[in-house]
Amino acid sequence: MKSKGLDFKHKEVVNINDGKRLGFVQDVTANLEDGMITSIIVPGNTRFFGMLSGNNDIVIPWENIKCIGEDIILVDI
């Protein structure tokens, strides 16, 4: 099976500052006028096995993405 370049949901996000694994991409946001991706969204930490958790999603601006590999995205946050 051939992989698509924009298949972000199967890529794990790692912060290069502390080596912390942030999780897998949940969603992307884009500017609809020019079709450019503006950020990626990673689910934040959940408490009590997902119960009583607020919207803790981590929004990472495109400018903070340093490298996109086959199975990992390195970010600087």
C-alpha atoms as a PDB file:
ATOM      1  CA  MET A   1       0.000   0.000   0.000  1.00  0.00           C
ATOM      2  CA  LYS A   2       1.357   3.395  -0.953  1.00  0.00           C
ATOM      3  CA  SER A   3       1.548   6.133   1.680  1.00  0.00           C
ATOM      4  CA  LYS A   4       0.251   9.623   0.972  1.00  0.00           C
ATOM      5  CA  GLY A   5       2.350  12.612   1.946  1.00  0.00           C
ATOM      6  CA  LEU A   6      -0.476  14.254   3.874  1.00  0.00           C
ATOM      7  CA  ASP A   7      -1.417  11.181   5.918  1.00  0.00           C
ATOM      8  CA  PHE A   8      -0.663  12.869   9.248  1.00  0.00           C
ATOM      9  CA  LYS A   9      -2.954  10.730  11.426  1.00  0.00           C
ATOM     10  CA  HIS A  10      -0.465   7.849  11.415  1.00  0.00           C
ATOM     11  CA  LYS A  11       2.458  10.038  12.480  1.00  0.00           C
ATOM     12  CA  GLU A  12       3.601  10.498  16.050  1.00  0.00           C
ATOM     13  CA  VAL A  13       4.526  14.011  17.188  1.00  0.00           C
ATOM     14  CA  VAL A  14       7.692  14.513  19.279  1.00  0.00           C
ATOM     15  CA  ASN A  15       8.895  17.775  20.848  1.00  0.00           C
ATOM     16  CA  ILE A  16      12.588  18.262  20.037  1.00  0.00           C
ATOM     17  CA  ASN A  17      13.126  20.489  23.112  1.00  0.00           C
ATOM     18  CA  ASP A  18      12.536  17.781  25.705  1.00  0.00           C
ATOM     19  CA  GLY A  19      12.030  14.598  23.661  1.00  0.00           C
ATOM     20  CA  LYS A  20       8.468  14.251  24.932  1.00  0.00           C
ATOM     21  CA  ARG A  21       6.123  12.168  22.813  1.00  0.00           C
ATOM     22  CA  LEU A  22       2.975  14.249  22.366  1.00  0.00           C
ATOM     23  CA  GLY A  23       0.871  11.607  20.629  1.00  0.00           C
ATOM     24  CA  PHE A  24      -0.517  11.134  17.156  1.00  0.00           C
ATOM     25  CA  VAL A  25      -1.975  13.879  14.984  1.00  0.00           C
ATOM     26  CA  GLN A  26      -5.703  14.172  15.572  1.00  0.00           C
ATOM     27  CA  ASP A  27      -6.511  16.877  13.019  1.00  0.00           C
ATOM     28  CA  VAL A  28      -5.063  19.620  10.844  1.00  0.00           C
ATOM     29  CA  THR A  29      -6.250  23.156  10.193  1.00  0.00           C
ATOM     30  CA  ALA A  30      -5.855  24.878   6.870  1.00  0.00           C
ATOM     31  CA  ASN A  31      -6.384  28.227   5.215  1.00  0.00           C
ATOM     32  CA  LEU A  32      -9.175  27.492   2.769  1.00  0.00           C
ATOM     33  CA  GLU A  33      -8.280  30.421   0.530  1.00  0.00           C
ATOM     34  CA  ASP A  34      -4.839  29.135  -0.421  1.00  0.00           C
ATOM     35  CA  GLY A  35      -5.089  25.497   0.707  1.00  0.00           C
ATOM     36  CA  MET A  36      -2.069  25.736   3.016  1.00  0.00           C
ATOM     37  CA  ILE A  37      -1.945  23.828   6.297  1.00  0.00           C
ATOM     38  CA  THR A  38      -1.694  26.268   9.205  1.00  0.00           C
ATOM     39  CA  SER A  39      -1.399  23.892  12.190  1.00  0.00           C
ATOM     40  CA  ILE A  40      -1.692  20.334  13.438  1.00  0.00           C
ATOM     41  CA  ILE A  41      -3.675  19.267  16.490  1.00  0.00           C
ATOM     42  CA  VAL A  42      -2.599  16.603  18.975  1.00  0.00           C
ATOM     43  CA  PRO A  43      -4.905  15.409  21.766  1.00  0.00           C
ATOM     44  CA  GLY A  44      -3.880  16.761  25.156  1.00  0.00           C
ATOM     45  CA  ASN A  45      -3.630  14.785  28.375  1.00  0.00           C
ATOM     46  CA  THR A  46      -6.833  13.273  29.702  1.00  0.00           C
ATOM     47  CA  ARG A  47      -7.545  12.615  33.360  1.00  0.00           C
ATOM     48  CA  PHE A  48      -9.410   9.741  34.950  1.00  0.00           C
ATOM     49  CA  PHE A  49      -9.344   7.567  31.841  1.00  0.00           C
ATOM     50  CA  GLY A  50     -10.948  10.257  29.708  1.00  0.00           C
ATOM     51  CA  MET A  51     -13.602  11.273  32.222  1.00  0.00           C
ATOM     52  CA  LEU A  52     -13.851  14.902  33.346  1.00  0.00           C
ATOM     53  CA  SER A  53     -11.330  15.996  30.781  1.00  0.00           C
ATOM     54  CA  GLY A  54     -11.619  19.385  29.162  1.00  0.00           C
ATOM     55  CA  ASN A  55     -10.454  20.401  25.732  1.00  0.00           C
ATOM     56  CA  ASN A  56      -6.703  20.122  26.299  1.00  0.00           C
ATOM     57  CA  ASP A  57      -5.771  19.701  22.645  1.00  0.00           C
ATOM     58  CA  ILE A  58      -2.327  20.936  21.668  1.00  0.00           C
ATOM     59  CA  VAL A  59      -2.416  23.178  18.591  1.00  0.00           C
ATOM     60  CA  ILE A  60       0.999  23.310  16.926  1.00  0.00           C
ATOM     61  CA  PRO A  61       1.476  26.089  14.341  1.00  0.00           C
ATOM     62  CA  TRP A  62       2.992  25.052  11.017  1.00  0.00           C
ATOM     63  CA  GLU A  63       6.020  27.251  11.728  1.00  0.00           C
ATOM     64  CA  ASN A  64       6.876  25.036  14.717  1.00  0.00           C
ATOM     65  CA  ILE A  65       7.063  21.859  12.637  1.00  0.00           C
ATOM     66  CA  LYS A  66      10.735  21.138  12.014  1.00  0.00           C
ATOM     67  CA  CYS A  67      10.708  17.777  10.217  1.00  0.00           C
ATOM     68  CA  ILE A  68       8.105  15.404   8.809  1.00  0.00           C
ATOM     69  CA  GLY A  69       9.274  11.820   8.438  1.00  0.00           C
ATOM     70  CA  GLU A  70       7.545   8.634   7.374  1.00  0.00           C
ATOM     71  CA  ASP A  71       6.189   7.892  10.848  1.00  0.00           C
ATOM     72  CA  ILE A  72       7.149  10.887  13.011  1.00  0.00           C
ATOM     73  CA  ILE A  73       6.800  14.666  13.091  1.00  0.00           C
ATOM     74  CA  LEU A  74       9.379  16.690  15.019  1.00  0.00           C
ATOM     75  CA  VAL A  75       8.122  19.960  16.497  1.00  0.00           C
ATOM     76  CA  ASP A  76       9.696  22.797  18.468  1.00  0.00           C
ATOM     77  CA  ILE A  77       7.314  23.905  21.219  1.00  0.00           C
END
